[in-house]
Amino acid sequence: MPKRDSTLAALGQNVRHQREARGLTQEKLAERASLDPTYISGIERGLRNPGIKNVARLAKALGITTPKLVEGVDA
């Protein structure tokens, strides 16, 4: 299993928190963001490094701004 990067782990934690706060499943969020559910899972577990376009898509699907989604995420 790959080592988790702290930056990606922080982003994943934010995505999971925002998703759960809205009562969404990974599948529902994936559908709203036009992404694959396994990709969402990888992001939430800190294993995926999504590009800025996908981060923006996730934020939009969650009904928040991109800066809000990446709040507290430092390199």
Protein backbone atom coordinates (compact mmCIF):
# COMPACT_ATOMS: atom_id res chain seq x y z
CA MET A 1 0.00 0.00 0.00
CA PRO A 2 1.42 3.42 -0.93
CA LYS A 3 2.42 5.85 1.81
CA ARG A 4 -0.18 8.55 2.40
CA ASP A 5 0.91 12.09 1.65
CA SER A 6 -0.19 14.54 4.38
CA THR A 7 -1.39 17.11 1.81
CA LEU A 8 -3.54 14.55 0.00
CA ALA A 9 -4.76 13.13 3.30
CA ALA A 10 -5.91 16.62 4.41
CA LEU A 11 -7.76 17.17 1.14
CA GLY A 12 -9.37 13.74 1.42
CA GLN A 13 -10.48 14.49 4.95
CA ASN A 14 -12.09 17.75 3.76
CA VAL A 15 -13.91 15.99 0.91
CA ARG A 16 -15.20 13.26 3.24
CA HIS A 17 -16.30 15.78 5.88
CA GLN A 18 -18.16 17.96 3.37
CA ARG A 19 -19.74 14.93 1.69
CA GLU A 20 -20.92 13.40 4.95
CA ALA A 21 -22.22 16.77 6.20
CA ARG A 22 -24.52 16.78 3.17
CA GLY A 23 -25.62 13.18 3.63
CA LEU A 24 -24.12 12.11 0.31
CA THR A 25 -22.67 8.73 -0.53
CA GLN A 26 -19.45 8.51 -2.51
CA GLU A 27 -21.55 7.26 -5.41
CA LYS A 28 -23.91 10.25 -5.27
CA LEU A 29 -21.03 12.72 -5.05
CA ALA A 30 -19.31 10.98 -7.95
CA GLU A 31 -22.49 11.23 -10.01
CA ARG A 32 -22.87 14.95 -9.23
CA ALA A 33 -19.22 15.64 -10.09
CA SER A 34 -19.14 13.35 -13.16
CA LEU A 35 -16.32 11.31 -11.60
CA ASP A 36 -15.91 7.62 -10.80
CA PRO A 37 -16.85 6.49 -7.27
CA THR A 38 -13.53 4.64 -6.92
CA TYR A 39 -11.75 7.91 -7.73
CA ILE A 40 -13.70 9.66 -4.94
CA SER A 41 -12.73 6.84 -2.58
CA GLY A 42 -9.06 7.24 -3.52
CA ILE A 43 -9.20 10.99 -2.91
CA GLU A 44 -10.85 10.54 0.48
CA ARG A 45 -8.22 7.99 1.51
CA GLY A 46 -5.41 10.34 0.46
CA LEU A 47 -4.21 8.02 -2.28
CA ARG A 48 -5.18 10.14 -5.29
CA ASN A 49 -3.79 13.50 -6.33
CA PRO A 50 -6.70 15.17 -8.16
CA GLY A 51 -6.02 17.96 -10.61
CA ILE A 52 -7.45 21.42 -9.98
CA LYS A 53 -10.31 20.85 -12.43
CA ASN A 54 -11.47 17.80 -10.46
CA VAL A 55 -11.09 19.66 -7.16
CA ALA A 56 -13.28 22.44 -8.60
CA ARG A 57 -15.82 19.86 -9.83
CA LEU A 58 -15.98 18.31 -6.38
CA ALA A 59 -16.45 21.70 -4.73
CA LYS A 60 -19.26 22.57 -7.14
CA ALA A 61 -20.91 19.18 -6.59
CA LEU A 62 -20.75 19.83 -2.84
CA GLY A 63 -22.17 23.34 -3.24
CA ILE A 64 -19.09 25.07 -1.82
CA THR A 65 -16.22 27.13 -3.21
CA THR A 66 -12.93 25.56 -4.21
CA PRO A 67 -11.05 27.58 -1.55
CA LYS A 68 -13.46 26.24 1.10
CA LEU A 69 -12.76 22.66 -0.03
CA VAL A 70 -8.99 23.10 0.18
CA GLU A 71 -9.05 25.07 3.45
CA GLY A 72 -6.22 23.94 5.72
CA VAL A 73 -4.55 21.88 3.00
CA ASP A 74 -0.87 22.84 2.90
CA ALA A 75 1.96 21.46 0.80
